[in-house]
């Protein structure tokens, strides 16, 4: 069951910050190096994803950084059609896990 939470990777500045403001700060879970989740570090992403998923899957995943391996979070897998939705781009994208 998906929750109403939205994960925003890179949500402390630029496009990511604008997304957090637009969607509502209380609803957003921000991952960034400054919040202790380095999106280029597989161990950081796995740890953060495990903690996040204890309360169910997020409603959406916003990717607003240029370097991130979504596979580390365990939400996007070969068997999940959403796996190709969030590619690594500087512009970012929004996807909804299935």
PDB file of N, CA and C in Angstrom:
ATOM      1  N   UNK A   1       0.848  -1.180   0.000  1.00  0.00           N
ATOM      2  CA  UNK A   1       0.000   0.000   0.000  1.00  0.00           C
ATOM      3  C   UNK A   1       0.892   1.241   0.000  1.00  0.00           C
ATOM      4  N   UNK A   2       0.706   2.079  -0.947  1.00  0.00           N
ATOM      5  CA  UNK A   2       1.496   3.306  -1.040  1.00  0.00           C
ATOM      6  C   UNK A   2       0.995   4.333  -0.031  1.00  0.00           C
ATOM      7  N   UNK A   3       1.936   5.056   0.529  1.00  0.00           N
ATOM      8  CA  UNK A   3       1.585   6.131   1.452  1.00  0.00           C
ATOM      9  C   UNK A   3       1.448   7.425   0.659  1.00  0.00           C
ATOM     10  N   UNK A   4       1.214   8.511   1.343  1.00  0.00           N
ATOM     11  CA  UNK A   4       1.121   9.815   0.688  1.00  0.00           C
ATOM     12  C   UNK A   4       2.475  10.511   0.598  1.00  0.00           C
ATOM     13  N   UNK A   5       3.511   9.863   1.132  1.00  0.00           N
ATOM     14  CA  UNK A   5       4.844  10.471   1.120  1.00  0.00           C
ATOM     15  C   UNK A   5       5.433  10.515  -0.286  1.00  0.00           C
ATOM     16  N   UNK A   6       6.243  11.523  -0.511  1.00  0.00           N
ATOM     17  CA  UNK A   6       6.940  11.686  -1.786  1.00  0.00           C
ATOM     18  C   UNK A   6       8.427  11.816  -1.477  1.00  0.00           C
ATOM     19  N   UNK A   7       9.230  10.944  -2.045  1.00  0.00           N
ATOM     20  CA  UNK A   7      10.679  11.022  -1.867  1.00  0.00           C
ATOM     21  C   UNK A   7      11.223  11.959  -2.928  1.00  0.00           C
ATOM     22  N   UNK A   8      11.996  12.945  -2.490  1.00  0.00           N
ATOM     23  CA  UNK A   8      12.621  13.882  -3.423  1.00  0.00           C
ATOM     24  C   UNK A   8      14.133  13.758  -3.242  1.00  0.00           C
ATOM     25  N   UNK A   9      14.770  13.127  -4.217  1.00  0.00           N
ATOM     26  CA  UNK A   9      16.222  12.963  -4.178  1.00  0.00           C
ATOM     27  C   UNK A   9      16.831  14.238  -4.732  1.00  0.00           C
ATOM     28  N   UNK A  10      17.586  14.945  -3.893  1.00  0.00           N
ATOM     29  CA  UNK A  10      18.147  16.229  -4.292  1.00  0.00           C
ATOM     30  C   UNK A  10      17.174  17.371  -4.048  1.00  0.00           C
ATOM     31  N   UNK A  11      16.432  17.304  -2.957  1.00  0.00           N
ATOM     32  CA  UNK A  11      15.375  18.270  -2.709  1.00  0.00           C
ATOM     33  C   UNK A  11      15.732  19.489  -1.891  1.00  0.00           C
ATOM     34  N   UNK A  12      17.017  19.765  -1.724  1.00  0.00           N
ATOM     35  CA  UNK A  12      17.389  20.932  -0.925  1.00  0.00           C
ATOM     36  C   UNK A  12      17.744  22.156  -1.766  1.00  0.00           C
ATOM     37  N   UNK A  13      17.872  21.964  -3.079  1.00  0.00           N
ATOM     38  CA  UNK A  13      18.194  23.116  -3.916  1.00  0.00           C
ATOM     39  C   UNK A  13      17.671  22.902  -5.333  1.00  0.00           C
ATOM     40  N   UNK A  14      17.644  23.980  -6.084  1.00  0.00           N
ATOM     41  CA  UNK A  14      17.281  23.927  -7.489  1.00  0.00           C
ATOM     42  C   UNK A  14      15.898  23.352  -7.753  1.00  0.00           C
ATOM     43  N   UNK A  15      15.817  22.511  -8.787  1.00  0.00           N
ATOM     44  CA  UNK A  15      14.552  21.911  -9.190  1.00  0.00           C
ATOM     45  C   UNK A  15      13.950  21.094  -8.050  1.00  0.00           C
ATOM     46  N   UNK A  16      14.777  20.334  -7.351  1.00  0.00           N
ATOM     47  CA  UNK A  16      14.283  19.506  -6.246  1.00  0.00           C
ATOM     48  C   UNK A  16      13.627  20.330  -5.152  1.00  0.00           C
ATOM     49  N   UNK A  17      14.223  21.432  -4.799  1.00  0.00           N
ATOM     50  CA  UNK A  17      13.643  22.312  -3.768  1.00  0.00           C
ATOM     51  C   UNK A  17      12.309  22.886  -4.238  1.00  0.00           C
ATOM     52  N   UNK A  18      12.241  23.285  -5.490  1.00  0.00           N
ATOM     53  CA  UNK A  18      10.989  23.814  -6.033  1.00  0.00           C
ATOM     54  C   UNK A  18       9.886  22.752  -5.989  1.00  0.00           C
ATOM     55  N   UNK A  19      10.246  21.511  -6.238  1.00  0.00           N
ATOM     56  CA  UNK A  19       9.278  20.416  -6.176  1.00  0.00           C
ATOM     57  C   UNK A  19       8.775  20.237  -4.747  1.00  0.00           C
ATOM     58  N   UNK A  20       9.691  20.266  -3.777  1.00  0.00           N
ATOM     59  CA  UNK A  20       9.311  20.118  -2.362  1.00  0.00           C
ATOM     60  C   UNK A  20       8.340  21.225  -1.962  1.00  0.00           C
ATOM     61  N   UNK A  21       8.634  22.448  -2.336  1.00  0.00           N
ATOM     62  CA  UNK A  21       7.758  23.572  -2.001  1.00  0.00           C
ATOM     63  C   UNK A  21       6.393  23.400  -2.668  1.00  0.00           C
ATOM     64  N   UNK A  22       6.393  23.010  -3.939  1.00  0.00           N
ATOM     65  CA  UNK A  22       5.134  22.865  -4.677  1.00  0.00           C
ATOM     66  C   UNK A  22       4.268  21.727  -4.136  1.00  0.00           C
ATOM     67  N   UNK A  23       4.886  20.636  -3.723  1.00  0.00           N
ATOM     68  CA  UNK A  23       4.130  19.470  -3.260  1.00  0.00           C
ATOM     69  C   UNK A  23       3.808  19.504  -1.770  1.00  0.00           C
ATOM     70  N   UNK A  24       4.492  20.380  -1.051  1.00  0.00           N
ATOM     71  CA  UNK A  24       4.248  20.503   0.381  1.00  0.00           C
ATOM     72  C   UNK A  24       5.335  19.833   1.200  1.00  0.00           C
ATOM     73  N   UNK A  25       6.071  20.630   1.943  1.00  0.00           N
ATOM     74  CA  UNK A  25       7.196  20.116   2.711  1.00  0.00           C
ATOM     75  C   UNK A  25       6.839  18.977   3.669  1.00  0.00           C
ATOM     76  N   UNK A  26       5.702  19.045   4.372  1.00  0.00           N
ATOM     77  CA  UNK A  26       5.395  17.954   5.302  1.00  0.00           C
ATOM     78  C   UNK A  26       5.234  16.595   4.616  1.00  0.00           C
ATOM     79  N   UNK A  27       4.828  16.618   3.377  1.00  0.00           N
ATOM     80  CA  UNK A  27       4.589  15.382   2.633  1.00  0.00           C
ATOM     81  C   UNK A  27       5.871  14.785   2.055  1.00  0.00           C
ATOM     82  N   UNK A  28       6.904  15.601   1.908  1.00  0.00           N
ATOM     83  CA  UNK A  28       8.121  15.179   1.221  1.00  0.00           C
ATOM     84  C   UNK A  28       9.185  14.637   2.175  1.00  0.00           C
ATOM     85  N   UNK A  29       9.841  13.596   1.711  1.00  0.00           N
ATOM     86  CA  UNK A  29      11.017  13.039   2.376  1.00  0.00           C
ATOM     87  C   UNK A  29      12.190  13.407   1.468  1.00  0.00           C
ATOM     88  N   UNK A  30      13.091  14.262   1.967  1.00  0.00           N
ATOM     89  CA  UNK A  30      14.193  14.749   1.143  1.00  0.00           C
ATOM     90  C   UNK A  30      15.446  13.929   1.404  1.00  0.00           C
ATOM     91  N   UNK A  31      16.010  13.421   0.327  1.00  0.00           N
ATOM     92  CA  UNK A  31      17.298  12.740   0.394  1.00  0.00           C
ATOM     93  C   UNK A  31      18.332  13.625  -0.285  1.00  0.00           C
ATOM     94  N   UNK A  32      19.396  13.930   0.429  1.00  0.00           N
ATOM     95  CA  UNK A  32      20.516  14.679  -0.129  1.00  0.00           C
ATOM     96  C   UNK A  32      21.733  14.386   0.732  1.00  0.00           C
ATOM     97  N   UNK A  33      22.862  14.788   0.260  1.00  0.00           N
ATOM     98  CA  UNK A  33      24.081  14.586   1.066  1.00  0.00           C
ATOM     99  C   UNK A  33      23.945  15.295   2.411  1.00  0.00           C
ATOM    100  N   UNK A  34      23.308  16.465   2.409  1.00  0.00           N
ATOM    101  CA  UNK A  34      23.161  17.225   3.660  1.00  0.00           C
ATOM    102  C   UNK A  34      22.178  16.574   4.632  1.00  0.00           C
ATOM    103  N   UNK A  35      21.283  15.702   4.143  1.00  0.00           N
ATOM    104  CA  UNK A  35      20.373  14.993   5.050  1.00  0.00           C
ATOM    105  C   UNK A  35      20.889  13.585   5.356  1.00  0.00           C
ATOM    106  N   UNK A  36      22.115  13.274   4.892  1.00  0.00           N
ATOM    107  CA  UNK A  36      22.734  11.994   5.209  1.00  0.00           C
ATOM    108  C   UNK A  36      22.543  10.899   4.180  1.00  0.00           C
ATOM    109  N   UNK A  37      22.004  11.242   3.016  1.00  0.00           N
ATOM    110  CA  UNK A  37      21.827  10.250   1.960  1.00  0.00           C
ATOM    111  C   UNK A  37      22.557  10.729   0.710  1.00  0.00           C
ATOM    112  N   UNK A  38      23.740  10.164   0.486  1.00  0.00           N
ATOM    113  CA  UNK A  38      24.506  10.465  -0.716  1.00  0.00           C
ATOM    114  C   UNK A  38      23.988   9.546  -1.816  1.00  0.00           C
ATOM    115  N   UNK A  39      23.339  10.094  -2.813  1.00  0.00           N
ATOM    116  CA  UNK A  39      22.698   9.303  -3.864  1.00  0.00           C
ATOM    117  C   UNK A  39      23.688   8.518  -4.714  1.00  0.00           C
ATOM    118  N   UNK A  40      24.979   8.826  -4.597  1.00  0.00           N
ATOM    119  CA  UNK A  40      25.992   8.066  -5.332  1.00  0.00           C
ATOM    120  C   UNK A  40      26.556   6.933  -4.497  1.00  0.00           C
ATOM    121  N   UNK A  41      26.127   6.840  -3.236  1.00  0.00           N
ATOM    122  CA  UNK A  41      26.629   5.819  -2.322  1.00  0.00           C
ATOM    123  C   UNK A  41      25.563   4.745  -2.117  1.00  0.00           C
ATOM    124  N   UNK A  42      25.815   3.561  -2.648  1.00  0.00           N
ATOM    125  CA  UNK A  42      24.824   2.483  -2.593  1.00  0.00           C
ATOM    126  C   UNK A  42      24.403   2.159  -1.163  1.00  0.00           C
ATOM    127  N   UNK A  43      25.331   2.162  -0.248  1.00  0.00           N
ATOM    128  CA  UNK A  43      25.014   1.850   1.155  1.00  0.00           C
ATOM    129  C   UNK A  43      24.072   2.899   1.758  1.00  0.00           C
ATOM    130  N   UNK A  44      24.325   4.183   1.492  1.00  0.00           N
ATOM    131  CA  UNK A  44      23.435   5.254   1.975  1.00  0.00           C
ATOM    132  C   UNK A  44      22.020   5.084   1.437  1.00  0.00           C
ATOM    133  N   UNK A  45      21.917   4.807   0.135  1.00  0.00           N
ATOM    134  CA  UNK A  45      20.603   4.669  -0.493  1.00  0.00           C
ATOM    135  C   UNK A  45      19.862   3.455   0.058  1.00  0.00           C
ATOM    136  N   UNK A  46      20.561   2.343   0.218  1.00  0.00           N
ATOM    137  CA  UNK A  46      19.915   1.142   0.764  1.00  0.00           C
ATOM    138  C   UNK A  46      19.422   1.379   2.191  1.00  0.00           C
ATOM    139  N   UNK A  47      20.243   2.015   3.009  1.00  0.00           N
ATOM    140  CA  UNK A  47      19.863   2.300   4.403  1.00  0.00           C
ATOM    141  C   UNK A  47      18.635   3.200   4.453  1.00  0.00           C
ATOM    142  N   UNK A  48      18.651   4.260   3.662  1.00  0.00           N
ATOM    143  CA  UNK A  48      17.525   5.198   3.652  1.00  0.00           C
ATOM    144  C   UNK A  48      16.253   4.535   3.110  1.00  0.00           C
ATOM    145  N   UNK A  49      16.398   3.710   2.087  1.00  0.00           N
ATOM    146  CA  UNK A  49      15.241   3.027   1.504  1.00  0.00           C
ATOM    147  C   UNK A  49      14.633   2.038   2.495  1.00  0.00           C
ATOM    148  N   UNK A  50      15.463   1.310   3.205  1.00  0.00           N
ATOM    149  CA  UNK A  50      14.947   0.362   4.202  1.00  0.00           C
ATOM    150  C   UNK A  50      14.133   1.090   5.267  1.00  0.00           C
ATOM    151  N   UNK A  51      14.644   2.201   5.749  1.00  0.00           N
ATOM    152  CA  UNK A  51      13.920   2.985   6.761  1.00  0.00           C
ATOM    153  C   UNK A  51      12.608   3.524   6.181  1.00  0.00           C
ATOM    154  N   UNK A  52      12.668   4.029   4.969  1.00  0.00           N
ATOM    155  CA  UNK A  52      11.487   4.593   4.321  1.00  0.00           C
ATOM    156  C   UNK A  52      10.403   3.534   4.109  1.00  0.00           C
ATOM    157  N   UNK A  53      10.792   2.367   3.648  1.00  0.00           N
ATOM    158  CA  UNK A  53       9.828   1.334   3.281  1.00  0.00           C
ATOM    159  C   UNK A  53       9.169   0.648   4.470  1.00  0.00           C
ATOM    160  N   UNK A  54       9.666   0.897   5.674  1.00  0.00           N
ATOM    161  CA  UNK A  54       9.009   0.338   6.865  1.00  0.00           C
ATOM    162  C   UNK A  54       7.562   0.804   6.981  1.00  0.00           C
ATOM    163  N   UNK A  55       7.299   2.001   6.465  1.00  0.00           N
ATOM    164  CA  UNK A  55       5.945   2.574   6.517  1.00  0.00           C
ATOM    165  C   UNK A  55       5.214   2.443   5.188  1.00  0.00           C
ATOM    166  N   UNK A  56       5.672   1.559   4.320  1.00  0.00           N
ATOM    167  CA  UNK A  56       5.051   1.377   3.009  1.00  0.00           C
ATOM    168  C   UNK A  56       5.764   2.173   1.936  1.00  0.00           C
ATOM    169  N   UNK A  57       5.447   1.843   0.717  1.00  0.00           N
ATOM    170  CA  UNK A  57       6.065   2.510  -0.425  1.00  0.00           C
ATOM    171  C   UNK A  57       5.606   3.959  -0.510  1.00  0.00           C
ATOM    172  N   UNK A  58       6.479   4.853  -0.977  1.00  0.00           N
ATOM    173  CA  UNK A  58       6.050   6.242  -1.158  1.00  0.00           C
ATOM    174  C   UNK A  58       5.079   6.340  -2.325  1.00  0.00           C
ATOM    175  N   UNK A  59       4.279   7.401  -2.329  1.00  0.00           N
ATOM    176  CA  UNK A  59       3.340   7.627  -3.421  1.00  0.00           C
ATOM    177  C   UNK A  59       4.078   7.958  -4.703  1.00  0.00           C
ATOM    178  N   UNK A  60       5.179   8.706  -4.565  1.00  0.00           N
ATOM    179  CA  UNK A  60       5.946   9.101  -5.753  1.00  0.00           C
ATOM    180  C   UNK A  60       7.420   9.219  -5.413  1.00  0.00           C
ATOM    181  N   UNK A  61       8.193   9.203  -6.461  1.00  0.00           N
ATOM    182  CA  UNK A  61       9.648   9.297  -6.366  1.00  0.00           C
ATOM    183  C   UNK A  61      10.074  10.405  -7.316  1.00  0.00           C
ATOM    184  N   UNK A  62      10.692  11.465  -6.806  1.00  0.00           N
ATOM    185  CA  UNK A  62      11.143  12.576  -7.650  1.00  0.00           C
ATOM    186  C   UNK A  62      12.667  12.555  -7.680  1.00  0.00           C
ATOM    187  N   UNK A  63      13.188  12.509  -8.867  1.00  0.00           N
ATOM    188  CA  UNK A  63      14.628  12.422  -9.082  1.00  0.00           C
ATOM    189  C   UNK A  63      15.116  13.770  -9.588  1.00  0.00           C
ATOM    190  N   UNK A  64      15.856  14.490  -8.751  1.00  0.00           N
ATOM    191  CA  UNK A  64      16.295  15.831  -9.136  1.00  0.00           C
ATOM    192  C   UNK A  64      17.796  16.015  -8.956  1.00  0.00           C
ATOM    193  N   UNK A  65      18.542  14.924  -9.140  1.00  0.00           N
ATOM    194  CA  UNK A  65      20.000  14.998  -9.068  1.00  0.00           C
ATOM    195  C   UNK A  65      20.571  14.379 -10.336  1.00  0.00           C
ATOM    196  N   UNK A  66      21.823  14.665 -10.587  1.00  0.00           N
ATOM    197  CA  UNK A  66      22.455  14.156 -11.797  1.00  0.00           C
ATOM    198  C   UNK A  66      23.123  12.814 -11.657  1.00  0.00           C
ATOM    199  N   UNK A  67      23.354  12.354 -10.428  1.00  0.00           N
ATOM    200  CA  UNK A  67      24.039  11.069 -10.259  1.00  0.00           C
ATOM    201  C   UNK A  67      23.356  10.259  -9.161  1.00  0.00           C
ATOM    202  N   UNK A  68      22.664   9.212  -9.577  1.00  0.00           N
ATOM    203  CA  UNK A  68      21.893   8.404  -8.643  1.00  0.00           C
ATOM    204  C   UNK A  68      21.643   7.036  -9.247  1.00  0.00           C
ATOM    205  N   UNK A  69      21.816   5.986  -8.458  1.00  0.00           N
ATOM    206  CA  UNK A  69      21.555   4.626  -8.912  1.00  0.00           C
ATOM    207  C   UNK A  69      20.289   4.137  -8.241  1.00  0.00           C
ATOM    208  N   UNK A  70      19.161   4.216  -8.941  1.00  0.00           N
ATOM    209  CA  UNK A  70      17.857   3.863  -8.380  1.00  0.00           C
ATOM    210  C   UNK A  70      17.789   2.415  -7.931  1.00  0.00           C
ATOM    211  N   UNK A  71      18.570   1.549  -8.543  1.00  0.00           N
ATOM    212  CA  UNK A  71      18.528   0.126  -8.188  1.00  0.00           C
ATOM    213  C   UNK A  71      18.876  -0.096  -6.727  1.00  0.00           C
ATOM    214  N   UNK A  72      19.708   0.752  -6.145  1.00  0.00           N
ATOM    215  CA  UNK A  72      20.113   0.606  -4.750  1.00  0.00           C
ATOM    216  C   UNK A  72      18.950   0.709  -3.783  1.00  0.00           C
ATOM    217  N   UNK A  73      17.920   1.439  -4.155  1.00  0.00           N
ATOM    218  CA  UNK A  73      16.767   1.624  -3.276  1.00  0.00           C
ATOM    219  C   UNK A  73      15.846   0.413  -3.274  1.00  0.00           C
ATOM    220  N   UNK A  74      15.987  -0.463  -4.257  1.00  0.00           N
ATOM    221  CA  UNK A  74      15.155  -1.654  -4.321  1.00  0.00           C
ATOM    222  C   UNK A  74      13.744  -1.400  -4.822  1.00  0.00           C
ATOM    223  N   UNK A  75      13.430  -0.183  -5.234  1.00  0.00           N
ATOM    224  CA  UNK A  75      12.094   0.127  -5.737  1.00  0.00           C
ATOM    225  C   UNK A  75      11.991  -0.117  -7.236  1.00  0.00           C
ATOM    226  N   UNK A  76      13.092   0.009  -7.939  1.00  0.00           N
ATOM    227  CA  UNK A  76      13.112  -0.145  -9.380  1.00  0.00           C
ATOM    228  C   UNK A  76      13.963  -1.359  -9.711  1.00  0.00           C
ATOM    229  N   UNK A  77      13.362  -2.390 -10.245  1.00  0.00           N
ATOM    230  CA  UNK A  77      14.057  -3.636 -10.533  1.00  0.00           C
ATOM    231  C   UNK A  77      13.795  -4.073 -11.961  1.00  0.00           C
ATOM    232  N   UNK A  78      14.490  -5.089 -12.400  1.00  0.00           N
ATOM    233  CA  UNK A  78      14.311  -5.603 -13.751  1.00  0.00           C
ATOM    234  C   UNK A  78      12.865  -6.038 -13.986  1.00  0.00           C
ATOM    235  N   UNK A  79      12.213  -6.579 -12.962  1.00  0.00           N
ATOM    236  CA  UNK A  79      10.850  -7.066 -13.127  1.00  0.00           C
ATOM    237  C   UNK A  79       9.799  -5.965 -12.977  1.00  0.00           C
ATOM    238  N   UNK A  80      10.219  -4.785 -12.552  1.00  0.00           N
ATOM    239  CA  UNK A  80       9.299  -3.666 -12.355  1.00  0.00           C
ATOM    240  C   UNK A  80       9.353  -2.763 -13.582  1.00  0.00           C
ATOM    241  N   UNK A  81       8.230  -2.587 -14.298  1.00  0.00           N
ATOM    242  CA  UNK A  81       8.248  -1.750 -15.488  1.00  0.00           C
ATOM    243  C   UNK A  81       8.677  -0.313 -15.219  1.00  0.00           C
ATOM    244  N   UNK A  82       8.600   0.133 -13.987  1.00  0.00           N
ATOM    245  CA  UNK A  82       9.026   1.488 -13.657  1.00  0.00           C
ATOM    246  C   UNK A  82      10.523   1.650 -13.615  1.00  0.00           C
ATOM    247  N   UNK A  83      11.269   0.555 -13.804  1.00  0.00           N
ATOM    248  CA  UNK A  83      12.717   0.614 -13.658  1.00  0.00           C
ATOM    249  C   UNK A  83      13.387   1.554 -14.650  1.00  0.00           C
ATOM    250  N   UNK A  84      12.813   1.738 -15.809  1.00  0.00           N
ATOM    251  CA  UNK A  84      13.436   2.603 -16.800  1.00  0.00           C
ATOM    252  C   UNK A  84      12.926   4.033 -16.732  1.00  0.00           C
ATOM    253  N   UNK A  85      11.965   4.307 -15.864  1.00  0.00           N
ATOM    254  CA  UNK A  85      11.359   5.633 -15.813  1.00  0.00           C
ATOM    255  C   UNK A  85      12.332   6.675 -15.295  1.00  0.00           C
ATOM    256  N   UNK A  86      13.003   6.384 -14.197  1.00  0.00           N
ATOM    257  CA  UNK A  86      13.937   7.356 -13.620  1.00  0.00           C
ATOM    258  C   UNK A  86      15.342   7.066 -14.105  1.00  0.00           C
ATOM    259  N   UNK A  87      15.753   7.717 -15.150  1.00  0.00           N
ATOM    260  CA  UNK A  87      17.123   7.599 -15.618  1.00  0.00           C
ATOM    261  C   UNK A  87      17.923   8.741 -15.027  1.00  0.00           C
ATOM    262  N   UNK A  88      19.213   8.595 -15.019  1.00  0.00           N
ATOM    263  CA  UNK A  88      20.063   9.612 -14.422  1.00  0.00           C
ATOM    264  C   UNK A  88      20.163  10.812 -15.347  1.00  0.00           C
ATOM    265  N   UNK A  89      19.551  11.909 -14.933  1.00  0.00           N
ATOM    266  CA  UNK A  89      19.586  13.154 -15.699  1.00  0.00           C
ATOM    267  C   UNK A  89      19.743  14.326 -14.769  1.00  0.00           C
ATOM    268  N   UNK A  90      20.326  15.372 -15.231  1.00  0.00           N
ATOM    269  CA  UNK A  90      20.479  16.561 -14.420  1.00  0.00           C
ATOM    270  C   UNK A  90      19.142  17.271 -14.265  1.00  0.00           C
ATOM    271  N   UNK A  91      18.244  17.130 -15.241  1.00  0.00           N
ATOM    272  CA  UNK A  91      16.958  17.807 -15.198  1.00  0.00           C
ATOM    273  C   UNK A  91      16.019  17.139 -14.203  1.00  0.00           C
ATOM    274  N   UNK A  92      16.148  15.844 -13.970  1.00  0.00           N
ATOM    275  CA  UNK A  92      15.280  15.123 -13.047  1.00  0.00           C
ATOM    276  C   UNK A  92      14.005  14.657 -13.713  1.00  0.00           C
ATOM    277  N   UNK A  93      13.271  13.826 -12.975  1.00  0.00           N
ATOM    278  CA  UNK A  93      12.005  13.324 -13.479  1.00  0.00           C
ATOM    279  C   UNK A  93      11.148  12.912 -12.301  1.00  0.00           C
ATOM    280  N   UNK A  94       9.879  12.680 -12.570  1.00  0.00           N
ATOM    281  CA  UNK A  94       8.968  12.196 -11.543  1.00  0.00           C
ATOM    282  C   UNK A  94       8.420  10.866 -12.017  1.00  0.00           C
ATOM    283  N   UNK A  95       8.418   9.870 -11.134  1.00  0.00           N
ATOM    284  CA  UNK A  95       7.815   8.593 -11.464  1.00  0.00           C
ATOM    285  C   UNK A  95       6.999   8.119 -10.287  1.00  0.00           C
ATOM    286  N   UNK A  96       6.051   7.290 -10.544  1.00  0.00           N
ATOM    287  CA  UNK A  96       5.228   6.712  -9.495  1.00  0.00           C
ATOM    288  C   UNK A  96       5.482   5.214  -9.461  1.00  0.00           C
ATOM    289  N   UNK A  97       6.023   4.691  -8.339  1.00  0.00           N
ATOM    290  CA  UNK A  97       6.283   3.254  -8.267  1.00  0.00           C
ATOM    291  C   UNK A  97       4.988   2.459  -8.431  1.00  0.00           C
ATOM    292  N   UNK A  98       5.106   1.315  -9.064  1.00  0.00           N
ATOM    293  CA  UNK A  98       3.943   0.456  -9.246  1.00  0.00           C
ATOM    294  C   UNK A  98       3.887  -0.580  -8.163  1.00  0.00           C
TER     295      UNK A  98
END
